[in-house]
Amino acid sequence: MATSQGAALDRKKLMADPVMVTTIVVLIAFLTLFILYPLAILLVDSFYGEGTVSLDTFRRIMAMPSFLRAITNTLKVGFLVGILSAGIGLLFAYMEVYVRVGGIVGGLFKVVSMLPVVSPPFVLSLSMIMLFGKAGLITRHVLGIYDNNVYGFWGIVIVQTLTFFPVCYMMFKGLLKNIDPSLEEAARDMGASRWGVFASVTLPLLLPGIGNAFLVTFIESIADFANPMIIGGSYDTLATTIYLQITGAYDKQGAAAMAVVLLCITLLMFAVQKYYLESKTAATLTGKASRARMLIEDKSVTIPLTILCSLSALFVILMYICVPIGACFPTWGYKFTPLTFKWFGQVFSKYKGLKAFKDSFVLSLIAAPLTALLSMIISYLVVKRRFKGKGFIEAVSMLAMAVPGTVLGVGYIRGFSGGLFHTGILSGIYGSAAILIIVFVVRSLPTGTRSGISALRQIDKSIEESAYDMGAGSFHVFMTVTLPLIKDSFLSGLVTAFVRSITAISAIILLVTPQFLLITVQINEFAEKGSYSIACAFASILILITYGSVLLMELLMKFFGTSRKIVED
C-alpha cells in the first residue's frame, strides 16, 4: 500500500514538473524515431512488396546459395571466435588474478587490454596481411613461404579473436576478483589439487560468466563488417553480403530482408545474454572477496603460464606495432629499404587526409557530448524516477547494443532516403552530417547508459531530495547535484563515445556521401585496393588521436573527477 502511494506521489510530482515531462517526451520521440523506426521499416520492407504482405522477399534470398552460405559462414566464425576469445580471455584473467606475476607481465596485460579500445576495428587485418600474406614479412621473407593464403575463414577467426579476447579478459578479471578465496582454500584444505579446485569450485562459479562472455563475443563477431571485408576474401559473412547486396546488386529490399535475418540472430543471443545469463551471474557469485587471495607461486604453474601469456601478449602488441612500421616502407612486401615517411605526408597532400581527419574529428566531437549527456539523462530517469514509459526508455536505449551496424545502416537508408514512411518528411537529413552524428550517438548510447546507471545507483536519493526541499527544480538539481556526483561516468562516457565514433565503420560506410570523408572509410578503401602503406599511415594517425583522447580522459578524471575530491577530503 505504501509503495503504491509512493509511486502515485512520484508520478504526481513528475507531472507537475514541465521540464521533466518535456525531457521524457523528447527522449521517447528520439528513441522511437532513430532506433525503433528504422528497424520497423526493415520489417515492413521485408514482408511488404507489390502492394501485399508476403514472404516472397525471404523466399528469394533464401534461394540464393550465396546467402545460405553466408549464414553458415557467419555462424561458424561466430561460434569459434566466441569459444577462442572466452578461453584466451579466461587464461589471461586467471593469470593476473591467481598467479603472482612480475610488473612487466602485468604491464603487458594492461597494454593488450587497451589496444582494441584505441584502434579501429580492422587494424589487425592489415597487420595479418602484412605479416602472413603472400608478400608477408614473416611468411615470405623469414620462412620463405610464397603460396600462403591468409584470407578466408582462418584469417577472420584469428583477427577477430585477437580483437575481441581483451573484452573477455576484462570481464573475467572482474568476476574472478569477486570470488571469495575462502571457498577455494577450503577445497585445498580437503586435499584437492589446484586443477581439482579449479574444476570443482572456480569453474562452476564462472560458468554463467563464461556463457556471458561467449555470447557477447559471438554477437560482436557476427556483427563485424570491417575485418571480413578486408581479410575475408571470397569467404562472405552476413554483414559483407548485406553490404554487397546494396552496393553491388542495388537490391535494397533484399538487403533489408537479409538485415532482418542477421538482426534476429543477434537479438536472440542478446536476449539470452541479457535476461538469462546476467541473472544467473548475479545469483551465483558470492560478491566481493572477504580478504586478499593467496597468489600461486609454484614455479610449475607460474613459469608455463607466464611464458604462454607473455608470448601471446607480445604477439598482439607486434601486430599493432606493425601498423606504424608498415607506413614507413615504399612498398610493403617487396621493398623494405629505405625507410620513408612520405606516406604520412601524402595522407595530407595527396589523399585529402586533412579533410578526412577534420570531418571525422568534428562529427565525433559533436556526437560525444550529446551521447554523454543523453546517456546521463536516460540513466537518471531510469534510476531516480518512477513513471510509465521508464521501461520503454531503458529497453530501447539498450536495444542499439544488439543491432549490428550494417543492419542499422540499411534501416536508415530505407527509413530516411525517402523521408518518414516515404512522405518526404525529414528526407533532408539523409546524406547530411546530421544522420552521421545520429548514428554515432545511437551506437554509443548503450555503453554510456550502463555506466551512468551503475554510478547513479550508488547515490543516496536523500541528497537530491534535500535540494528539492530547498525549492530547486528538476533541471537545477540534475545539473548542480546529480551530474557533479557522476562526473567520472560522464567524462568516461564522453571519451568512450568520441573513440567509438571516430573509429566506427560498419553503419556509416552505407550512409556516408562524397560530401564527407571519414578516416575509417578511407582506411577501408585503401586496404581493399592493396595500398597497405597509405592505409597504415591513416590508421597510425587515428590511433594516436584516440589514444590521446583516452589519456586526456584520465587526466581530466585525475584533476576534476569526484575521486580526487574524496581523496582530498
Protein backbone atom coordinates (compact mmCIF):
# COMPACT_ATOMS: atom_id res chain seq x y z
CA MET A 1 0.00 0.00 0.00
CA ALA A 2 2.77 2.41 1.00
CA THR A 3 4.72 1.52 -2.14
CA SER A 4 1.75 2.25 -4.43
CA GLN A 5 1.10 5.53 -2.64
CA GLY A 6 4.75 6.49 -3.01
CA ALA A 7 4.67 5.68 -6.71
CA ALA A 8 1.49 7.74 -7.14
CA LEU A 9 3.11 10.67 -5.32
CA ASP A 10 6.22 10.42 -7.53
CA ARG A 11 4.07 10.48 -10.67
CA LYS A 12 2.12 13.48 -9.38
CA LYS A 13 5.35 15.39 -8.66
CA LEU A 14 6.65 14.42 -12.08
CA MET A 15 3.56 15.71 -13.92
CA ALA A 16 3.91 18.99 -12.05
CA ASP A 17 7.43 19.44 -13.49
CA PRO A 18 7.14 20.69 -17.10
CA VAL A 19 10.90 20.44 -17.74
CA MET A 20 10.98 16.77 -16.79
CA VAL A 21 7.82 15.94 -18.76
CA THR A 22 9.21 17.69 -21.85
CA THR A 23 12.50 15.82 -21.49
CA ILE A 24 10.73 12.46 -21.30
CA VAL A 25 8.55 13.22 -24.33
CA VAL A 26 11.52 14.39 -26.43
CA LEU A 27 13.56 11.38 -25.34
CA ILE A 28 10.83 8.89 -26.24
CA ALA A 29 10.40 10.61 -29.61
CA PHE A 30 14.15 10.43 -30.31
CA LEU A 31 14.44 6.74 -29.38
CA THR A 32 11.35 5.84 -31.38
CA LEU A 33 12.40 7.81 -34.43
CA PHE A 34 16.04 6.78 -34.66
CA ILE A 35 16.10 3.27 -33.19
CA LEU A 36 12.66 1.65 -33.43
CA TYR A 37 11.52 3.27 -36.68
CA PRO A 38 14.48 2.12 -38.87
CA LEU A 39 14.12 -1.43 -37.55
CA ALA A 40 10.35 -1.36 -38.12
CA ILE A 41 10.91 -0.17 -41.70
CA LEU A 42 13.23 -3.13 -42.30
CA LEU A 43 10.46 -5.48 -41.20
CA VAL A 44 7.90 -3.72 -43.37
CA ASP A 45 10.19 -3.79 -46.41
CA SER A 46 10.90 -7.47 -45.86
CA PHE A 47 7.25 -8.55 -45.68
CA TYR A 48 5.56 -5.97 -47.92
CA GLY A 49 6.03 -6.00 -51.66
CA GLU A 50 3.92 -5.08 -54.67
CA GLY A 51 1.02 -3.96 -52.51
CA THR A 52 0.64 -7.15 -50.48
CA VAL A 53 2.13 -8.75 -47.39
CA SER A 54 4.09 -11.85 -48.33
CA LEU A 55 7.24 -13.86 -47.71
CA ASP A 56 8.40 -13.56 -51.30
CA THR A 57 11.48 -11.50 -50.46
CA PHE A 58 12.58 -14.02 -47.84
CA ARG A 59 11.95 -16.89 -50.25
CA ARG A 60 14.04 -15.10 -52.87
CA ILE A 61 17.04 -14.50 -50.64
CA MET A 62 16.80 -17.97 -49.11
CA ALA A 63 17.01 -19.39 -52.63
CA MET A 64 20.36 -17.65 -53.11
CA PRO A 65 23.19 -20.14 -52.48
CA SER A 66 25.45 -17.20 -51.56
CA PHE A 67 23.11 -16.07 -48.78
CA LEU A 68 22.72 -19.54 -47.27
CA ARG A 69 26.47 -19.93 -47.43
CA ALA A 70 26.91 -16.55 -45.73
CA ILE A 71 24.63 -17.62 -42.84
CA THR A 72 26.62 -20.82 -42.35
CA ASN A 73 29.92 -18.96 -42.58
CA THR A 74 28.78 -16.32 -40.09
CA LEU A 75 27.64 -18.86 -37.50
CA LYS A 76 30.82 -20.93 -37.87
CA VAL A 77 33.03 -17.88 -37.40
CA GLY A 78 30.91 -16.56 -34.52
CA PHE A 79 30.94 -19.80 -32.54
CA LEU A 80 34.66 -20.43 -32.98
CA VAL A 81 35.63 -16.81 -32.21
CA GLY A 82 33.37 -16.88 -29.13
CA ILE A 83 34.98 -20.08 -27.82
CA LEU A 84 38.56 -18.98 -28.52
CA SER A 85 38.08 -15.45 -27.17
CA ALA A 86 36.46 -16.71 -23.96
CA GLY A 87 39.21 -19.32 -23.48
CA ILE A 88 42.12 -16.92 -24.04
CA GLY A 89 40.44 -14.18 -22.02
CA LEU A 90 39.92 -16.59 -19.10
CA LEU A 91 43.58 -17.68 -19.27
CA PHE A 92 44.81 -14.07 -19.11
CA ALA A 93 42.41 -13.15 -16.30
CA TYR A 94 43.29 -16.24 -14.24
CA MET A 95 46.95 -15.49 -14.72
CA GLU A 96 46.58 -11.93 -13.43
CA VAL A 97 44.22 -12.64 -10.50
CA TYR A 98 45.52 -16.00 -9.23
CA VAL A 99 49.21 -16.12 -10.16
CA ARG A 100 51.99 -13.91 -8.83
CA VAL A 101 53.44 -12.19 -11.89
CA GLY A 102 56.15 -9.59 -12.38
CA GLY A 103 55.47 -5.95 -13.11
CA ILE A 104 56.48 -6.31 -16.78
CA VAL A 105 53.92 -9.06 -17.43
CA GLY A 106 51.20 -7.04 -15.70
CA GLY A 107 52.13 -4.06 -17.86
CA LEU A 108 51.82 -6.21 -20.99
CA PHE A 109 48.31 -7.23 -19.94
CA LYS A 110 47.28 -3.60 -19.48
CA VAL A 111 48.61 -2.67 -22.91
CA VAL A 112 46.81 -5.58 -24.57
CA SER A 113 43.51 -4.65 -22.89
CA MET A 114 43.89 -1.02 -24.00
CA LEU A 115 44.87 -1.51 -27.66
CA PRO A 116 41.49 -2.67 -29.07
CA VAL A 117 39.84 0.34 -27.41
CA VAL A 118 42.04 2.96 -29.09
CA SER A 119 42.37 1.39 -32.55
CA PRO A 120 39.99 0.95 -35.49
CA PRO A 121 38.28 -2.47 -35.53
CA PHE A 122 40.16 -3.69 -38.61
CA VAL A 123 43.76 -2.72 -37.83
CA LEU A 124 44.72 -6.33 -37.09
CA SER A 125 43.51 -7.38 -40.54
CA LEU A 126 46.09 -5.04 -42.08
CA SER A 127 48.79 -6.46 -39.81
CA MET A 128 47.82 -10.06 -40.56
CA ILE A 129 48.09 -9.46 -44.31
CA MET A 130 51.42 -7.62 -44.00
CA LEU A 131 52.96 -10.27 -41.75
CA PHE A 132 51.44 -13.52 -43.02
CA GLY A 133 50.09 -12.76 -46.52
CA LYS A 134 51.70 -13.87 -49.78
CA ALA A 135 54.10 -10.92 -49.56
CA GLY A 136 54.19 -11.07 -45.77
CA LEU A 137 57.28 -10.18 -43.81
CA ILE A 138 57.22 -13.45 -41.83
CA THR A 139 55.82 -15.91 -44.36
CA ARG A 140 57.76 -14.75 -47.43
CA HIS A 141 60.92 -13.10 -46.13
CA VAL A 142 61.55 -15.09 -42.94
CA LEU A 143 60.08 -18.53 -43.65
CA GLY A 144 60.33 -18.44 -47.46
CA ILE A 145 56.67 -19.43 -47.96
CA TYR A 146 55.24 -18.00 -51.19
CA ASP A 147 51.89 -19.75 -51.55
CA ASN A 148 50.41 -18.85 -48.16
CA ASN A 149 46.80 -17.65 -48.23
CA VAL A 150 45.82 -15.73 -45.10
CA TYR A 151 42.44 -14.74 -46.50
CA GLY A 152 39.24 -16.60 -45.66
CA PHE A 153 37.86 -18.44 -42.64
CA TRP A 154 41.01 -18.76 -40.55
CA GLY A 155 42.13 -15.23 -41.28
CA ILE A 156 38.82 -13.84 -39.99
CA VAL A 157 38.83 -16.13 -36.94
CA ILE A 158 42.38 -15.22 -35.89
CA VAL A 159 41.89 -11.48 -36.38
CA GLN A 160 38.53 -11.37 -34.60
CA THR A 161 39.83 -13.50 -31.72
CA LEU A 162 42.80 -11.17 -31.21
CA THR A 163 40.45 -8.19 -31.43
CA PHE A 164 37.75 -9.42 -29.03
CA PHE A 165 39.53 -11.56 -26.43
CA PRO A 166 40.61 -8.47 -24.39
CA VAL A 167 36.88 -7.81 -23.83
CA CYS A 168 36.52 -11.29 -22.31
CA TYR A 169 39.72 -10.77 -20.32
CA MET A 170 38.31 -7.62 -18.68
CA MET A 171 35.02 -9.39 -17.91
CA PHE A 172 36.67 -12.44 -16.35
CA LYS A 173 39.11 -10.27 -14.40
CA GLY A 174 36.22 -8.66 -12.52
CA LEU A 175 34.42 -11.98 -11.98
CA LEU A 176 37.49 -13.77 -10.63
CA LYS A 177 38.27 -10.93 -8.21
CA ASN A 178 34.75 -11.26 -6.76
CA ILE A 179 35.11 -14.96 -5.91
CA ASP A 180 35.71 -15.43 -2.18
CA PRO A 181 39.13 -17.13 -1.80
CA SER A 182 37.95 -18.99 1.30
CA LEU A 183 35.80 -21.25 -0.92
CA GLU A 184 38.82 -22.40 -2.91
CA GLU A 185 41.09 -22.64 0.14
CA ALA A 186 38.55 -24.90 1.85
CA ALA A 187 38.79 -27.29 -1.10
CA ARG A 188 42.58 -27.17 -0.93
CA ASP A 189 42.47 -27.98 2.77
CA MET A 190 40.38 -31.05 1.92
CA GLY A 191 43.26 -32.31 -0.24
CA ALA A 192 42.12 -31.22 -3.70
CA SER A 193 44.78 -30.41 -6.29
CA ARG A 194 44.94 -26.99 -7.97
CA TRP A 195 43.26 -28.42 -11.05
CA GLY A 196 40.62 -30.07 -8.86
CA VAL A 197 39.90 -26.76 -7.12
CA PHE A 198 39.59 -25.00 -10.45
CA ALA A 199 37.34 -27.69 -11.94
CA SER A 200 35.10 -28.19 -8.90
CA VAL A 201 34.92 -24.68 -7.36
CA THR A 202 36.21 -21.87 -9.60
CA LEU A 203 34.82 -23.09 -12.92
CA PRO A 204 31.24 -23.74 -11.70
CA LEU A 205 31.13 -20.22 -10.24
CA LEU A 206 32.36 -18.84 -13.56
CA LEU A 207 30.07 -20.81 -15.88
CA PRO A 208 27.40 -18.09 -16.23
CA GLY A 209 30.16 -15.54 -16.79
CA ILE A 210 31.77 -17.77 -19.41
CA GLY A 211 28.45 -18.05 -21.21
CA ASN A 212 28.03 -14.30 -20.95
CA ALA A 213 31.50 -13.63 -22.41
CA PHE A 214 30.91 -16.16 -25.19
CA LEU A 215 27.62 -14.57 -26.24
CA VAL A 216 28.98 -11.02 -26.11
CA THR A 217 31.89 -12.05 -28.33
CA PHE A 218 29.61 -14.08 -30.60
CA ILE A 219 27.38 -11.02 -31.15
CA GLU A 220 30.41 -8.81 -31.83
CA SER A 221 31.83 -11.36 -34.26
CA ILE A 222 28.75 -11.92 -36.41
CA ALA A 223 28.05 -8.17 -36.48
CA ASP A 224 31.63 -7.30 -37.52
CA PHE A 225 31.88 -5.86 -41.01
CA ALA A 226 35.36 -4.43 -41.48
CA ASN A 227 37.52 -7.49 -40.72
CA PRO A 228 35.62 -9.92 -43.01
CA MET A 229 35.58 -7.22 -45.70
CA ILE A 230 39.37 -6.79 -45.65
CA ILE A 231 40.66 -10.29 -44.88
CA GLY A 232 37.65 -12.45 -45.75
CA GLY A 233 38.47 -12.76 -49.45
CA SER A 234 35.76 -14.91 -51.04
CA TYR A 235 34.56 -16.07 -47.62
CA ASP A 236 31.40 -13.98 -47.27
CA THR A 237 29.61 -13.33 -43.99
CA LEU A 238 26.15 -11.86 -43.43
CA ALA A 239 27.49 -8.35 -42.79
CA THR A 240 29.53 -8.26 -46.02
CA THR A 241 26.75 -9.93 -48.03
CA ILE A 242 24.26 -7.25 -46.94
CA TYR A 243 26.73 -4.51 -47.92
CA LEU A 244 27.36 -6.05 -51.34
CA GLN A 245 23.63 -6.59 -51.89
CA ILE A 246 23.14 -2.82 -51.65
CA THR A 247 26.31 -1.52 -53.29
CA GLY A 248 26.71 -4.27 -55.90
CA ALA A 249 23.27 -5.70 -56.70
CA TYR A 250 21.35 -2.49 -55.80
CA ASP A 251 18.76 -4.71 -54.15
CA LYS A 252 17.63 -2.65 -51.16
CA GLN A 253 14.60 -4.82 -50.39
CA GLY A 254 16.68 -7.99 -50.47
CA ALA A 255 19.30 -6.34 -48.27
CA ALA A 256 16.55 -5.35 -45.83
CA ALA A 257 15.40 -8.97 -45.57
CA MET A 258 18.98 -10.13 -45.05
CA ALA A 259 19.41 -7.49 -42.36
CA VAL A 260 16.30 -8.80 -40.59
CA VAL A 261 17.80 -12.31 -40.54
CA LEU A 262 21.04 -11.00 -39.02
CA LEU A 263 19.07 -8.87 -36.55
CA CYS A 264 17.01 -11.88 -35.41
CA ILE A 265 20.20 -13.85 -34.68
CA THR A 266 21.79 -11.03 -32.67
CA LEU A 267 18.55 -10.23 -30.79
CA LEU A 268 18.14 -13.88 -29.82
CA MET A 269 21.68 -14.06 -28.47
CA PHE A 270 21.32 -10.68 -26.77
CA ALA A 271 18.10 -11.79 -25.05
CA VAL A 272 19.78 -14.96 -23.75
CA GLN A 273 22.76 -12.96 -22.50
CA LYS A 274 20.70 -10.12 -21.00
CA TYR A 275 17.77 -11.89 -19.36
CA TYR A 276 19.14 -15.34 -18.57
CA LEU A 277 22.90 -15.33 -18.10
CA GLU A 278 23.15 -11.95 -16.35
CA SER A 279 20.62 -13.04 -13.73
CA LYS A 280 22.47 -16.32 -13.27
CA THR A 281 25.75 -14.46 -12.81
CA ALA A 282 24.30 -12.21 -10.13
CA ALA A 283 22.84 -15.17 -8.26
CA THR A 284 25.92 -17.39 -8.49
CA LEU A 285 28.82 -15.18 -7.49
CA THR A 286 29.46 -14.67 -3.79
CA GLY A 287 30.09 -10.96 -4.06
CA LYS A 288 33.22 -9.06 -3.07
CA ALA A 289 36.08 -11.17 -1.78
CA SER A 290 36.23 -11.20 2.02
CA ARG A 291 40.04 -10.99 2.13
CA ALA A 292 43.11 -10.99 -0.07
CA ARG A 293 43.80 -14.09 -2.14
CA MET A 294 46.98 -16.11 -1.64
CA LEU A 295 48.63 -15.95 -5.05
CA ILE A 296 50.11 -19.06 -6.65
CA GLU A 297 53.91 -19.04 -6.50
CA ASP A 298 54.56 -22.65 -7.55
CA LYS A 299 57.04 -22.42 -10.43
CA SER A 300 55.50 -25.43 -12.16
CA VAL A 301 52.41 -23.24 -12.60
CA THR A 302 53.80 -19.72 -12.82
CA ILE A 303 56.54 -20.33 -15.40
CA PRO A 304 54.42 -22.07 -18.10
CA LEU A 305 51.54 -19.62 -17.69
CA THR A 306 53.85 -16.59 -17.69
CA ILE A 307 55.60 -17.77 -20.87
CA LEU A 308 52.33 -18.61 -22.64
CA CYS A 309 50.53 -15.37 -21.74
CA SER A 310 53.61 -13.18 -22.33
CA LEU A 311 54.17 -14.64 -25.80
CA SER A 312 50.50 -14.16 -26.64
CA ALA A 313 50.54 -10.56 -25.40
CA LEU A 314 53.77 -9.81 -27.27
CA PHE A 315 52.29 -11.25 -30.45
CA VAL A 316 49.24 -8.98 -30.15
CA ILE A 317 51.47 -5.97 -29.48
CA LEU A 318 53.62 -6.94 -32.51
CA MET A 319 50.50 -6.95 -34.65
CA TYR A 320 49.68 -3.40 -33.58
CA ILE A 321 53.29 -2.17 -33.89
CA CYS A 322 53.27 -3.48 -37.45
CA VAL A 323 50.78 -0.76 -38.42
CA PRO A 324 53.01 2.32 -37.96
CA ILE A 325 56.03 0.35 -39.23
CA GLY A 326 54.08 -0.64 -42.32
CA ALA A 327 53.57 3.05 -43.14
CA CYS A 328 57.34 3.63 -43.29
CA PHE A 329 58.20 1.48 -46.33
CA PRO A 330 57.87 2.39 -50.03
CA THR A 331 56.13 -0.86 -50.99
CA TRP A 332 55.29 -3.41 -48.31
CA GLY A 333 56.42 -6.95 -49.02
CA TYR A 334 58.71 -6.19 -51.92
CA LYS A 335 61.00 -3.39 -50.82
CA PHE A 336 61.78 -2.84 -47.14
CA THR A 337 64.51 -0.21 -47.57
CA PRO A 338 64.98 2.65 -47.25
CA LEU A 339 62.58 3.82 -44.56
CA THR A 340 60.38 6.68 -45.64
CA PHE A 341 57.81 8.98 -44.12
CA LYS A 342 56.39 10.07 -47.46
CA TRP A 343 53.09 8.23 -46.88
CA PHE A 344 52.39 10.33 -43.81
CA GLY A 345 52.99 13.43 -45.90
CA GLN A 346 50.84 12.15 -48.76
CA VAL A 347 48.00 11.44 -46.35
CA PHE A 348 47.52 15.20 -46.18
CA SER A 349 48.93 16.38 -49.51
CA LYS A 350 47.57 13.82 -51.97
CA TYR A 351 44.81 11.81 -50.32
CA LYS A 352 42.76 14.60 -48.69
CA GLY A 353 43.75 13.39 -45.24
CA LEU A 354 43.24 16.81 -43.71
CA LYS A 355 39.59 16.82 -44.77
CA ALA A 356 39.12 13.21 -43.63
CA PHE A 357 40.53 13.90 -40.18
CA LYS A 358 38.68 17.20 -39.92
CA ASP A 359 35.32 15.67 -40.87
CA SER A 360 35.79 12.65 -38.59
CA PHE A 361 37.06 14.76 -35.70
CA VAL A 362 34.33 17.41 -35.93
CA LEU A 363 31.46 14.92 -36.30
CA SER A 364 32.77 12.78 -33.42
CA LEU A 365 33.38 15.86 -31.29
CA ILE A 366 29.75 16.92 -31.78
CA ALA A 367 28.38 13.42 -31.15
CA ALA A 368 30.44 12.73 -28.00
CA PRO A 369 28.96 15.35 -25.61
CA LEU A 370 25.47 14.71 -26.98
CA THR A 371 25.89 10.99 -26.28
CA ALA A 372 27.35 11.53 -22.81
CA LEU A 373 24.61 13.97 -21.77
CA LEU A 374 21.84 11.84 -23.27
CA SER A 375 23.22 8.75 -21.51
CA MET A 376 23.25 10.52 -18.15
CA ILE A 377 19.69 11.81 -18.64
CA ILE A 378 18.43 8.31 -19.51
CA SER A 379 20.32 6.85 -16.55
CA TYR A 380 18.84 9.48 -14.24
CA LEU A 381 15.28 8.80 -15.42
CA VAL A 382 15.73 5.02 -15.13
CA VAL A 383 17.28 5.05 -11.65
CA LYS A 384 15.81 8.09 -9.94
CA ARG A 385 12.33 8.48 -11.40
CA ARG A 386 9.18 6.36 -11.48
CA PHE A 387 6.80 6.88 -14.39
CA LYS A 388 5.03 4.97 -17.11
CA GLY A 389 7.37 4.53 -20.04
CA LYS A 390 10.54 4.13 -17.98
CA GLY A 391 10.90 0.51 -19.07
CA PHE A 392 10.44 1.55 -22.70
CA ILE A 393 13.23 4.14 -22.46
CA GLU A 394 15.64 1.68 -20.83
CA ALA A 395 14.88 -1.19 -23.22
CA VAL A 396 15.09 0.85 -26.43
CA SER A 397 18.26 2.67 -25.40
CA MET A 398 19.90 -0.71 -24.75
CA LEU A 399 18.49 -2.22 -27.96
CA ALA A 400 21.14 -0.50 -30.06
CA MET A 401 23.72 -2.76 -28.39
CA ALA A 402 22.18 -5.78 -30.10
CA VAL A 403 21.71 -4.15 -33.52
CA PRO A 404 24.67 -4.72 -35.89
CA GLY A 405 25.96 -1.56 -37.52
CA THR A 406 25.26 -2.88 -41.01
CA VAL A 407 21.62 -3.55 -40.06
CA LEU A 408 21.26 -0.06 -38.63
CA GLY A 409 22.79 1.43 -41.78
CA VAL A 410 20.31 -0.40 -44.02
CA GLY A 411 17.47 0.68 -41.73
CA TYR A 412 18.46 4.35 -42.04
CA ILE A 413 18.70 4.06 -45.82
CA ARG A 414 15.24 2.52 -46.10
CA GLY A 415 13.74 4.76 -43.43
CA PHE A 416 15.07 8.20 -44.33
CA SER A 417 16.13 8.22 -48.00
CA GLY A 418 12.53 8.98 -48.99
CA GLY A 419 11.55 10.62 -45.72
CA LEU A 420 9.42 9.21 -42.90
CA PHE A 421 7.22 6.46 -44.35
CA HIS A 422 8.25 7.76 -47.82
CA THR A 423 6.39 11.05 -47.27
CA GLY A 424 9.42 13.28 -47.76
CA ILE A 425 9.38 14.45 -44.13
CA LEU A 426 12.94 14.53 -42.71
CA SER A 427 14.36 13.37 -46.05
CA GLY A 428 16.84 16.26 -45.77
CA ILE A 429 18.86 14.51 -43.05
CA TYR A 430 19.72 11.63 -45.39
CA GLY A 431 23.19 12.20 -46.77
CA SER A 432 23.84 15.04 -44.34
CA ALA A 433 26.12 15.40 -41.34
CA ALA A 434 23.08 15.08 -39.06
CA ILE A 435 22.42 11.43 -39.89
CA LEU A 436 26.09 10.52 -39.27
CA ILE A 437 26.01 12.26 -35.89
CA ILE A 438 22.75 10.50 -35.01
CA VAL A 439 24.28 7.11 -35.89
CA PHE A 440 27.31 7.88 -33.72
CA VAL A 441 25.02 8.80 -30.81
CA VAL A 442 22.80 5.73 -31.17
CA ARG A 443 25.75 3.32 -31.44
CA SER A 444 27.46 4.68 -28.29
CA LEU A 445 24.32 5.23 -26.22
CA PRO A 446 24.12 1.77 -24.53
CA THR A 447 27.69 1.92 -23.19
CA GLY A 448 27.22 5.35 -21.61
CA THR A 449 23.80 4.45 -20.25
CA ARG A 450 25.05 1.30 -18.49
CA SER A 451 27.92 3.26 -16.94
CA GLY A 452 25.56 6.01 -15.77
CA ILE A 453 23.06 3.57 -14.26
CA SER A 454 25.83 1.88 -12.27
CA ALA A 455 27.07 5.23 -10.95
CA LEU A 456 23.61 6.61 -10.06
CA ARG A 457 22.62 3.52 -8.09
CA GLN A 458 25.42 4.34 -5.64
CA ILE A 459 23.97 7.80 -4.83
CA ASP A 460 21.50 8.04 -1.96
CA LYS A 461 18.26 9.69 -3.04
CA SER A 462 18.20 11.83 0.12
CA ILE A 463 20.95 14.04 -1.35
CA GLU A 464 18.72 15.10 -4.24
CA GLU A 465 15.59 15.26 -2.08
CA SER A 466 17.32 17.86 0.10
CA ALA A 467 17.78 20.08 -2.95
CA TYR A 468 14.11 19.61 -3.93
CA ASP A 469 13.07 20.55 -0.39
CA MET A 470 15.02 23.78 -0.78
CA GLY A 471 12.87 24.66 -3.79
CA ALA A 472 15.19 23.67 -6.66
CA GLY A 473 13.64 22.39 -9.91
CA SER A 474 14.49 19.07 -11.54
CA PHE A 475 16.82 20.61 -14.14
CA HIS A 476 18.68 22.60 -11.49
CA VAL A 477 19.01 19.53 -9.25
CA PHE A 478 20.31 17.41 -12.12
CA MET A 479 22.89 19.99 -13.21
CA THR A 480 24.11 21.10 -9.76
CA VAL A 481 23.74 17.95 -7.63
CA THR A 482 23.43 14.75 -9.66
CA LEU A 483 25.76 15.47 -12.57
CA PRO A 484 28.70 16.61 -10.39
CA LEU A 485 28.40 13.38 -8.39
CA ILE A 486 28.62 11.23 -11.52
CA LYS A 487 31.13 13.37 -13.42
CA ASP A 488 33.56 10.42 -13.65
CA SER A 489 30.96 8.40 -15.55
CA PHE A 490 30.10 11.44 -17.65
CA LEU A 491 33.74 12.04 -18.62
CA SER A 492 34.25 8.35 -19.27
CA GLY A 493 31.14 8.24 -21.45
CA LEU A 494 32.27 11.39 -23.27
CA VAL A 495 35.64 9.96 -24.32
CA THR A 496 34.25 6.48 -24.97
CA ALA A 497 31.63 7.98 -27.30
CA PHE A 498 34.31 10.01 -29.09
CA VAL A 499 36.59 6.98 -29.57
CA ARG A 500 33.73 4.74 -30.73
CA SER A 501 32.52 7.41 -33.14
CA ILE A 502 35.86 8.23 -34.73
CA THR A 503 36.70 4.51 -35.21
CA ALA A 504 33.22 3.42 -36.42
CA ILE A 505 32.71 1.98 -39.89
CA SER A 506 30.01 -0.72 -40.16
CA ALA A 507 26.99 1.63 -40.06
CA ILE A 508 28.43 4.77 -41.60
CA ILE A 509 30.00 3.13 -44.66
CA LEU A 510 26.49 2.73 -46.06
CA LEU A 511 25.45 6.29 -45.15
CA VAL A 512 28.48 8.46 -45.88
CA THR A 513 28.34 10.52 -49.08
CA PRO A 514 31.17 12.09 -51.15
CA GLN A 515 30.45 15.31 -49.28
CA PHE A 516 32.20 13.83 -46.23
CA LEU A 517 35.48 11.97 -45.96
CA LEU A 518 35.82 9.80 -42.87
CA ILE A 519 39.08 8.22 -41.72
CA THR A 520 37.82 4.67 -41.28
CA VAL A 521 36.17 4.67 -44.70
CA GLN A 522 39.43 5.89 -46.25
CA ILE A 523 41.42 3.16 -44.48
CA ASN A 524 38.98 0.51 -45.68
CA GLU A 525 39.11 1.84 -49.24
CA PHE A 526 42.92 1.81 -49.44
CA ALA A 527 43.14 -1.61 -47.80
CA GLU A 528 40.74 -3.07 -50.38
CA LYS A 529 42.94 -1.63 -53.15
CA GLY A 530 46.04 -3.22 -51.62
CA SER A 531 47.58 0.15 -50.74
CA TYR A 532 48.60 -1.05 -47.29
CA SER A 533 51.27 1.57 -46.63
CA ILE A 534 48.89 4.51 -47.03
CA ALA A 535 46.17 2.62 -45.10
CA CYS A 536 48.67 2.10 -42.26
CA ALA A 537 49.57 5.78 -42.29
CA PHE A 538 45.92 6.75 -41.87
CA ALA A 539 45.45 4.12 -39.15
CA SER A 540 48.58 5.19 -37.24
CA ILE A 541 47.43 8.80 -37.05
CA LEU A 542 43.96 7.67 -35.99
CA ILE A 543 45.40 5.50 -33.19
CA LEU A 544 47.42 8.49 -31.94
CA ILE A 545 44.26 10.62 -31.85
CA THR A 546 42.21 8.04 -29.98
CA TYR A 547 45.00 7.16 -27.55
CA GLY A 548 45.48 10.86 -26.85
CA SER A 549 41.76 11.11 -26.10
CA VAL A 550 41.98 8.30 -23.55
CA LEU A 551 44.99 9.93 -21.87
CA LEU A 552 43.10 13.22 -21.77
CA MET A 553 40.18 11.47 -20.08
CA GLU A 554 42.46 10.01 -17.43
CA LEU A 555 43.98 13.47 -16.88
CA LEU A 556 40.57 15.10 -16.53
CA MET A 557 39.39 12.43 -14.08
CA LYS A 558 42.60 12.81 -12.09
CA PHE A 559 42.24 16.58 -11.64
CA PHE A 560 38.49 17.12 -11.90
CA GLY A 561 36.91 13.76 -11.06
CA THR A 562 34.91 13.05 -7.92
CA SER A 563 37.52 10.55 -6.73
CA ARG A 564 40.07 13.37 -6.36
CA LYS A 565 37.76 15.37 -4.11
CA ILE A 566 37.07 12.31 -1.98
CA VAL A 567 40.80 11.73 -1.52
CA GLU A 568 41.39 15.40 -0.64
CA ASP A 569 38.59 15.40 1.92
